[in-house]
Each structure stands twice: as C-alpha cells, then as structure tokens.
Amino acid sequence: VPYSHVVSIASIEAVFKAGESVSPETLVAHKLVSLVNGNYPKIKILSDGNLTKKLTISGCAVSAPAKVKIEKAGGSVR
C-alpha cells in the first residue's frame, strides 16, 4: 500500500482554520491520522466533501479533484 492513510477534504474542513497549513505533522496533531511505528505516515488527501477555507497543503499526496477544490478555495498544494 503506497499510502498508509487517506484523509478527506471534509475531515480537513472540519478541524482546520482558514490560513493553516496541512501537513503530516498537523494532521497527526489534529488526530486525523496517527503515527506509524513512530513515523509520520504517507498521506493522500481525497476530494470527498467541500472546502471553504484557504489552506496550504504540504508533504501529502493530493488527488487531482482534491487539488482543484483546494485551489478553488484559494489554497495551494506544495
């Protein structure tokens, strides 16, 4: 399995505030994913749900439809 965790846009919308950064570290801090053997997991963000906040996504794989939603909300994927 290339990704040990998948996270939906809906989950990110629910716990992150506008302007925040979404990364493996912040996803663990918000308890959306957990460490795997003490390491940050490989994460893929999927487009389930809606995003209304400008967020910066880094260190995660992002599906093409999720990237569109992130950019439409004013955010970016690094």
PDB file of N, CA and C in Angstrom:
ATOM      1  N   VAL A   1       0.859  -1.200   0.000  1.00  0.00           N
ATOM      2  CA  VAL A   1       0.000   0.000   0.000  1.00  0.00           C
ATOM      3  C   VAL A   1       0.889   1.241   0.000  1.00  0.00           C
ATOM      4  N   PRO A   2       0.783   2.068  -1.052  1.00  0.00           N
ATOM      5  CA  PRO A   2       1.652   3.253  -1.109  1.00  0.00           C
ATOM      6  C   PRO A   2       1.328   4.302  -0.051  1.00  0.00           C
ATOM      7  N   TYR A   3       0.038   4.408   0.324  1.00  0.00           N
ATOM      8  CA  TYR A   3      -0.348   5.395   1.342  1.00  0.00           C
ATOM      9  C   TYR A   3      -0.932   4.651   2.527  1.00  0.00           C
ATOM     10  N   SER A   4      -0.450   4.992   3.715  1.00  0.00           N
ATOM     11  CA  SER A   4      -0.955   4.306   4.902  1.00  0.00           C
ATOM     12  C   SER A   4      -2.209   4.982   5.447  1.00  0.00           C
ATOM     13  N   HIS A   5      -2.477   6.222   5.023  1.00  0.00           N
ATOM     14  CA  HIS A   5      -3.683   6.929   5.481  1.00  0.00           C
ATOM     15  C   HIS A   5      -4.272   7.735   4.331  1.00  0.00           C
ATOM     16  N   VAL A   6      -5.593   7.762   4.261  1.00  0.00           N
ATOM     17  CA  VAL A   6      -6.267   8.691   3.355  1.00  0.00           C
ATOM     18  C   VAL A   6      -7.115   9.620   4.212  1.00  0.00           C
ATOM     19  N   VAL A   7      -7.176  10.878   3.816  1.00  0.00           N
ATOM     20  CA  VAL A   7      -7.910  11.894   4.565  1.00  0.00           C
ATOM     21  C   VAL A   7      -8.807  12.620   3.572  1.00  0.00           C
ATOM     22  N   SER A   8     -10.059  12.834   3.944  1.00  0.00           N
ATOM     23  CA  SER A   8     -10.984  13.523   3.036  1.00  0.00           C
ATOM     24  C   SER A   8     -10.920  15.038   3.248  1.00  0.00           C
ATOM     25  N   ILE A   9     -11.279  15.746   2.191  1.00  0.00           N
ATOM     26  CA  ILE A   9     -11.400  17.210   2.277  1.00  0.00           C
ATOM     27  C   ILE A   9     -12.379  17.576   3.403  1.00  0.00           C
ATOM     28  N   ALA A  10     -13.453  16.797   3.559  1.00  0.00           N
ATOM     29  CA  ALA A  10     -14.452  17.074   4.592  1.00  0.00           C
ATOM     30  C   ALA A  10     -13.824  17.041   5.992  1.00  0.00           C
ATOM     31  N   SER A  11     -12.949  16.078   6.238  1.00  0.00           N
ATOM     32  CA  SER A  11     -12.283  15.978   7.545  1.00  0.00           C
ATOM     33  C   SER A  11     -11.379  17.185   7.794  1.00  0.00           C
ATOM     34  N   ILE A  12     -10.659  17.598   6.752  1.00  0.00           N
ATOM     35  CA  ILE A  12      -9.765  18.758   6.870  1.00  0.00           C
ATOM     36  C   ILE A  12     -10.591  20.027   7.117  1.00  0.00           C
ATOM     37  N   GLU A  13     -11.691  20.175   6.392  1.00  0.00           N
ATOM     38  CA  GLU A  13     -12.593  21.325   6.562  1.00  0.00           C
ATOM     39  C   GLU A  13     -13.082  21.418   8.005  1.00  0.00           C
ATOM     40  N   ALA A  14     -13.360  20.265   8.605  1.00  0.00           N
ATOM     41  CA  ALA A  14     -13.941  20.239   9.947  1.00  0.00           C
ATOM     42  C   ALA A  14     -12.974  20.681  11.043  1.00  0.00           C
ATOM     43  N   VAL A  15     -11.676  20.425  10.879  1.00  0.00           N
ATOM     44  CA  VAL A  15     -10.754  20.672  12.001  1.00  0.00           C
ATOM     45  C   VAL A  15      -9.722  21.782  11.777  1.00  0.00           C
ATOM     46  N   PHE A  16      -9.496  22.185  10.536  1.00  0.00           N
ATOM     47  CA  PHE A  16      -8.501  23.233  10.286  1.00  0.00           C
ATOM     48  C   PHE A  16      -9.171  24.584  10.108  1.00  0.00           C
ATOM     49  N   LYS A  17      -8.481  25.636  10.549  1.00  0.00           N
ATOM     50  CA  LYS A  17      -8.966  27.006  10.381  1.00  0.00           C
ATOM     51  C   LYS A  17      -8.345  27.606   9.122  1.00  0.00           C
ATOM     52  N   ALA A  18      -9.011  28.597   8.568  1.00  0.00           N
ATOM     53  CA  ALA A  18      -8.515  29.274   7.371  1.00  0.00           C
ATOM     54  C   ALA A  18      -7.093  29.777   7.613  1.00  0.00           C
ATOM     55  N   GLY A  19      -6.237  29.594   6.613  1.00  0.00           N
ATOM     56  CA  GLY A  19      -4.861  30.077   6.693  1.00  0.00           C
ATOM     57  C   GLY A  19      -3.889  29.081   7.293  1.00  0.00           C
ATOM     58  N   GLU A  20      -4.391  27.970   7.828  1.00  0.00           N
ATOM     59  CA  GLU A  20      -3.496  26.993   8.445  1.00  0.00           C
ATOM     60  C   GLU A  20      -2.794  26.134   7.389  1.00  0.00           C
ATOM     61  N   SER A  21      -1.730  25.488   7.826  1.00  0.00           N
ATOM     62  CA  SER A  21      -1.006  24.552   6.979  1.00  0.00           C
ATOM     63  C   SER A  21      -1.427  23.134   7.324  1.00  0.00           C
ATOM     64  N   VAL A  22      -1.633  22.351   6.289  1.00  0.00           N
ATOM     65  CA  VAL A  22      -1.979  20.939   6.449  1.00  0.00           C
ATOM     66  C   VAL A  22      -0.765  20.127   6.025  1.00  0.00           C
ATOM     67  N   SER A  23      -0.237  19.330   6.940  1.00  0.00           N
ATOM     68  CA  SER A  23       0.940  18.509   6.673  1.00  0.00           C
ATOM     69  C   SER A  23       0.798  17.235   7.501  1.00  0.00           C
ATOM     70  N   PRO A  24       1.657  16.249   7.273  1.00  0.00           N
ATOM     71  CA  PRO A  24       1.580  15.062   8.132  1.00  0.00           C
ATOM     72  C   PRO A  24       1.638  15.424   9.622  1.00  0.00           C
ATOM     73  N   GLU A  25       2.468  16.407   9.975  1.00  0.00           N
ATOM     74  CA  GLU A  25       2.613  16.794  11.381  1.00  0.00           C
ATOM     75  C   GLU A  25       1.319  17.389  11.942  1.00  0.00           C
ATOM     76  N   THR A  26       0.685  18.290  11.161  1.00  0.00           N
ATOM     77  CA  THR A  26      -0.537  18.918  11.675  1.00  0.00           C
ATOM     78  C   THR A  26      -1.721  17.951  11.636  1.00  0.00           C
ATOM     79  N   LEU A  27      -1.723  17.027  10.682  1.00  0.00           N
ATOM     80  CA  LEU A  27      -2.793  16.019  10.642  1.00  0.00           C
ATOM     81  C   LEU A  27      -2.699  15.099  11.856  1.00  0.00           C
ATOM     82  N   VAL A  28      -1.478  14.753  12.274  1.00  0.00           N
ATOM     83  CA  VAL A  28      -1.302  13.950  13.499  1.00  0.00           C
ATOM     84  C   VAL A  28      -1.726  14.779  14.717  1.00  0.00           C
ATOM     85  N   ALA A  29      -1.324  16.048  14.762  1.00  0.00           N
ATOM     86  CA  ALA A  29      -1.666  16.919  15.895  1.00  0.00           C
ATOM     87  C   ALA A  29      -3.185  17.060  16.051  1.00  0.00           C
ATOM     88  N   HIS A  30      -3.900  17.107  14.928  1.00  0.00           N
ATOM     89  CA  HIS A  30      -5.363  17.217  14.958  1.00  0.00           C
ATOM     90  C   HIS A  30      -6.034  15.843  15.074  1.00  0.00           C
ATOM     91  N   LYS A  31      -5.215  14.800  15.202  1.00  0.00           N
ATOM     92  CA  LYS A  31      -5.702  13.420  15.382  1.00  0.00           C
ATOM     93  C   LYS A  31      -6.518  12.893  14.202  1.00  0.00           C
ATOM     94  N   LEU A  32      -6.243  13.392  12.997  1.00  0.00           N
ATOM     95  CA  LEU A  32      -6.893  12.836  11.808  1.00  0.00           C
ATOM     96  C   LEU A  32      -6.156  11.598  11.322  1.00  0.00           C
ATOM     97  N   VAL A  33      -4.861  11.529  11.616  1.00  0.00           N
ATOM     98  CA  VAL A  33      -4.068  10.335  11.320  1.00  0.00           C
ATOM     99  C   VAL A  33      -3.179  10.057  12.524  1.00  0.00           C
ATOM    100  N   SER A  34      -2.617   8.877  12.556  1.00  0.00           N
ATOM    101  CA  SER A  34      -1.730   8.536  13.667  1.00  0.00           C
ATOM    102  C   SER A  34      -0.364   8.125  13.128  1.00  0.00           C
ATOM    103  N   LEU A  35       0.619   8.198  14.006  1.00  0.00           N
ATOM    104  CA  LEU A  35       1.966   7.792  13.630  1.00  0.00           C
ATOM    105  C   LEU A  35       1.980   6.288  13.313  1.00  0.00           C
ATOM    106  N   VAL A  36       2.854   5.912  12.391  1.00  0.00           N
ATOM    107  CA  VAL A  36       3.029   4.503  12.037  1.00  0.00           C
ATOM    108  C   VAL A  36       4.426   4.099  12.474  1.00  0.00           C
ATOM    109  N   ASN A  37       4.498   3.239  13.478  1.00  0.00           N
ATOM    110  CA  ASN A  37       5.797   2.828  14.031  1.00  0.00           C
ATOM    111  C   ASN A  37       6.644   4.036  14.419  1.00  0.00           C
ATOM    112  N   GLY A  38       5.992   5.066  14.969  1.00  0.00           N
ATOM    113  CA  GLY A  38       6.697   6.257  15.418  1.00  0.00           C
ATOM    114  C   GLY A  38       7.040   7.246  14.335  1.00  0.00           C
ATOM    115  N   ASN A  39       6.638   6.958  13.103  1.00  0.00           N
ATOM    116  CA  ASN A  39       6.950   7.844  11.977  1.00  0.00           C
ATOM    117  C   ASN A  39       5.681   8.466  11.427  1.00  0.00           C
ATOM    118  N   TYR A  40       5.837   9.626  10.790  1.00  0.00           N
ATOM    119  CA  TYR A  40       4.692  10.235  10.129  1.00  0.00           C
ATOM    120  C   TYR A  40       4.334   9.376   8.920  1.00  0.00           C
ATOM    121  N   PRO A  41       3.046   9.107   8.719  1.00  0.00           N
ATOM    122  CA  PRO A  41       2.633   8.223   7.625  1.00  0.00           C
ATOM    123  C   PRO A  41       2.617   8.939   6.285  1.00  0.00           C
ATOM    124  N   LYS A  42       2.577   8.131   5.213  1.00  0.00           N
ATOM    125  CA  LYS A  42       2.333   8.687   3.883  1.00  0.00           C
ATOM    126  C   LYS A  42       0.829   8.915   3.802  1.00  0.00           C
ATOM    127  N   ILE A  43       0.440  10.117   3.400  1.00  0.00           N
ATOM    128  CA  ILE A  43      -0.971  10.511   3.426  1.00  0.00           C
ATOM    129  C   ILE A  43      -1.410  10.940   2.030  1.00  0.00           C
ATOM    130  N   LYS A  44      -2.610  10.523   1.671  1.00  0.00           N
ATOM    131  CA  LYS A  44      -3.225  11.015   0.435  1.00  0.00           C
ATOM    132  C   LYS A  44      -4.528  11.701   0.807  1.00  0.00           C
ATOM    133  N   ILE A  45      -4.722  12.900   0.261  1.00  0.00           N
ATOM    134  CA  ILE A  45      -5.935  13.673   0.504  1.00  0.00           C
ATOM    135  C   ILE A  45      -6.880  13.453  -0.674  1.00  0.00           C
ATOM    136  N   LEU A  46      -8.109  13.037  -0.336  1.00  0.00           N
ATOM    137  CA  LEU A  46      -9.122  12.774  -1.356  1.00  0.00           C
ATOM    138  C   LEU A  46     -10.189  13.857  -1.325  1.00  0.00           C
ATOM    139  N   SER A  47     -10.952  13.951  -2.417  1.00  0.00           N
ATOM    140  CA  SER A  47     -11.841  15.104  -2.615  1.00  0.00           C
ATOM    141  C   SER A  47     -13.224  14.972  -1.987  1.00  0.00           C
ATOM    142  N   ASP A  48     -13.471  13.972  -1.153  1.00  0.00           N
ATOM    143  CA  ASP A  48     -14.797  13.816  -0.540  1.00  0.00           C
ATOM    144  C   ASP A  48     -15.127  15.033   0.321  1.00  0.00           C
ATOM    145  N   GLY A  49     -16.261  15.690   0.034  1.00  0.00           N
ATOM    146  CA  GLY A  49     -16.677  16.847   0.824  1.00  0.00           C
ATOM    147  C   GLY A  49     -16.330  18.153   0.143  1.00  0.00           C
ATOM    148  N   ASN A  50     -16.604  19.238   0.853  1.00  0.00           N
ATOM    149  CA  ASN A  50     -16.351  20.580   0.322  1.00  0.00           C
ATOM    150  C   ASN A  50     -15.326  21.310   1.182  1.00  0.00           C
ATOM    151  N   LEU A  51     -14.589  22.209   0.550  1.00  0.00           N
ATOM    152  CA  LEU A  51     -13.595  23.013   1.255  1.00  0.00           C
ATOM    153  C   LEU A  51     -13.922  24.480   1.033  1.00  0.00           C
ATOM    154  N   THR A  52     -14.008  25.241   2.129  1.00  0.00           N
ATOM    155  CA  THR A  52     -14.352  26.660   2.024  1.00  0.00           C
ATOM    156  C   THR A  52     -13.232  27.550   2.542  1.00  0.00           C
ATOM    157  N   LYS A  53     -12.115  26.950   2.978  1.00  0.00           N
ATOM    158  CA  LYS A  53     -11.049  27.724   3.616  1.00  0.00           C
ATOM    159  C   LYS A  53      -9.769  27.665   2.799  1.00  0.00           C
ATOM    160  N   LYS A  54      -9.017  28.758   2.855  1.00  0.00           N
ATOM    161  CA  LYS A  54      -7.708  28.812   2.208  1.00  0.00           C
ATOM    162  C   LYS A  54      -6.713  28.068   3.091  1.00  0.00           C
ATOM    163  N   LEU A  55      -6.174  26.963   2.577  1.00  0.00           N
ATOM    164  CA  LEU A  55      -5.215  26.149   3.321  1.00  0.00           C
ATOM    165  C   LEU A  55      -4.002  25.870   2.448  1.00  0.00           C
ATOM    166  N   THR A  56      -2.861  25.679   3.097  1.00  0.00           N
ATOM    167  CA  THR A  56      -1.648  25.284   2.396  1.00  0.00           C
ATOM    168  C   THR A  56      -1.381  23.825   2.716  1.00  0.00           C
ATOM    169  N   ILE A  57      -1.335  22.993   1.685  1.00  0.00           N
ATOM    170  CA  ILE A  57      -1.124  21.563   1.854  1.00  0.00           C
ATOM    171  C   ILE A  57       0.328  21.252   1.488  1.00  0.00           C
ATOM    172  N   SER A  58       1.040  20.557   2.371  1.00  0.00           N
ATOM    173  CA  SER A  58       2.407  20.164   2.041  1.00  0.00           C
ATOM    174  C   SER A  58       2.708  18.790   2.623  1.00  0.00           C
ATOM    175  N   GLY A  59       3.577  18.056   1.958  1.00  0.00           N
ATOM    176  CA  GLY A  59       4.015  16.764   2.457  1.00  0.00           C
ATOM    177  C   GLY A  59       3.005  15.648   2.309  1.00  0.00           C
ATOM    178  N   CYS A  60       1.922  15.918   1.567  1.00  0.00           N
ATOM    179  CA  CYS A  60       0.879  14.913   1.354  1.00  0.00           C
ATOM    180  C   CYS A  60       0.643  14.763  -0.148  1.00  0.00           C
ATOM    181  N   ALA A  61       0.266  13.555  -0.555  1.00  0.00           N
ATOM    182  CA  ALA A  61      -0.213  13.376  -1.926  1.00  0.00           C
ATOM    183  C   ALA A  61      -1.643  13.888  -1.966  1.00  0.00           C
ATOM    184  N   VAL A  62      -2.044  14.431  -3.110  1.00  0.00           N
ATOM    185  CA  VAL A  62      -3.383  15.014  -3.233  1.00  0.00           C
ATOM    186  C   VAL A  62      -3.980  14.529  -4.546  1.00  0.00           C
ATOM    187  N   SER A  63      -5.204  14.018  -4.496  1.00  0.00           N
ATOM    188  CA  SER A  63      -5.859  13.594  -5.736  1.00  0.00           C
ATOM    189  C   SER A  63      -6.121  14.829  -6.600  1.00  0.00           C
ATOM    190  N   ALA A  64      -6.244  14.624  -7.906  1.00  0.00           N
ATOM    191  CA  ALA A  64      -6.482  15.751  -8.816  1.00  0.00           C
ATOM    192  C   ALA A  64      -7.766  16.505  -8.463  1.00  0.00           C
ATOM    193  N   PRO A  65      -8.897  15.809  -8.187  1.00  0.00           N
ATOM    194  CA  PRO A  65     -10.103  16.569  -7.804  1.00  0.00           C
ATOM    195  C   PRO A  65      -9.932  17.323  -6.484  1.00  0.00           C
ATOM    196  N   ALA A  66      -9.186  16.766  -5.544  1.00  0.00           N
ATOM    197  CA  ALA A  66      -8.948  17.468  -4.274  1.00  0.00           C
ATOM    198  C   ALA A  66      -8.124  18.725  -4.515  1.00  0.00           C
ATOM    199  N   LYS A  67      -7.134  18.641  -5.392  1.00  0.00           N
ATOM    200  CA  LYS A  67      -6.279  19.794  -5.703  1.00  0.00           C
ATOM    201  C   LYS A  67      -7.130  20.932  -6.274  1.00  0.00           C
ATOM    202  N   VAL A  68      -8.074  20.589  -7.145  1.00  0.00           N
ATOM    203  CA  VAL A  68      -8.978  21.599  -7.720  1.00  0.00           C
ATOM    204  C   VAL A  68      -9.757  22.297  -6.607  1.00  0.00           C
ATOM    205  N   LYS A  69     -10.309  21.528  -5.653  1.00  0.00           N
ATOM    206  CA  LYS A  69     -11.088  22.108  -4.559  1.00  0.00           C
ATOM    207  C   LYS A  69     -10.220  22.997  -3.670  1.00  0.00           C
ATOM    208  N   ILE A  70      -8.988  22.552  -3.385  1.00  0.00           N
ATOM    209  CA  ILE A  70      -8.071  23.326  -2.540  1.00  0.00           C
ATOM    210  C   ILE A  70      -7.746  24.666  -3.209  1.00  0.00           C
ATOM    211  N   GLU A  71      -7.437  24.616  -4.512  1.00  0.00           N
ATOM    212  CA  GLU A  71      -7.080  25.836  -5.236  1.00  0.00           C
ATOM    213  C   GLU A  71      -8.294  26.745  -5.434  1.00  0.00           C
ATOM    214  N   LYS A  72      -9.470  26.167  -5.650  1.00  0.00           N
ATOM    215  CA  LYS A  72     -10.695  26.953  -5.806  1.00  0.00           C
ATOM    216  C   LYS A  72     -10.996  27.739  -4.517  1.00  0.00           C
ATOM    217  N   ALA A  73     -10.644  27.161  -3.374  1.00  0.00           N
ATOM    218  CA  ALA A  73     -10.870  27.831  -2.093  1.00  0.00           C
ATOM    219  C   ALA A  73      -9.759  28.837  -1.782  1.00  0.00           C
ATOM    220  N   GLY A  74      -8.795  28.993  -2.695  1.00  0.00           N
ATOM    221  CA  GLY A  74      -7.728  29.965  -2.510  1.00  0.00           C
ATOM    222  C   GLY A  74      -6.463  29.388  -1.928  1.00  0.00           C
ATOM    223  N   GLY A  75      -6.450  28.089  -1.683  1.00  0.00           N
ATOM    224  CA  GLY A  75      -5.284  27.441  -1.072  1.00  0.00           C
ATOM    225  C   GLY A  75      -4.278  26.980  -2.108  1.00  0.00           C
ATOM    226  N   SER A  76      -3.266  26.274  -1.614  1.00  0.00           N
ATOM    227  CA  SER A  76      -2.220  25.780  -2.509  1.00  0.00           C
ATOM    228  C   SER A  76      -1.723  24.414  -2.051  1.00  0.00           C
ATOM    229  N   VAL A  77      -1.155  23.693  -3.020  1.00  0.00           N
ATOM    230  CA  VAL A  77      -0.546  22.394  -2.768  1.00  0.00           C
ATOM    231  C   VAL A  77       0.922  22.507  -3.107  1.00  0.00           C
ATOM    232  N   ARG A  78       1.780  22.158  -2.115  1.00  0.00           N
ATOM    233  CA  ARG A  78       3.223  22.275  -2.351  1.00  0.00           C
ATOM    234  C   ARG A  78       3.838  20.900  -2.429  1.00  0.00           C
TER     235      ARG A  78
END
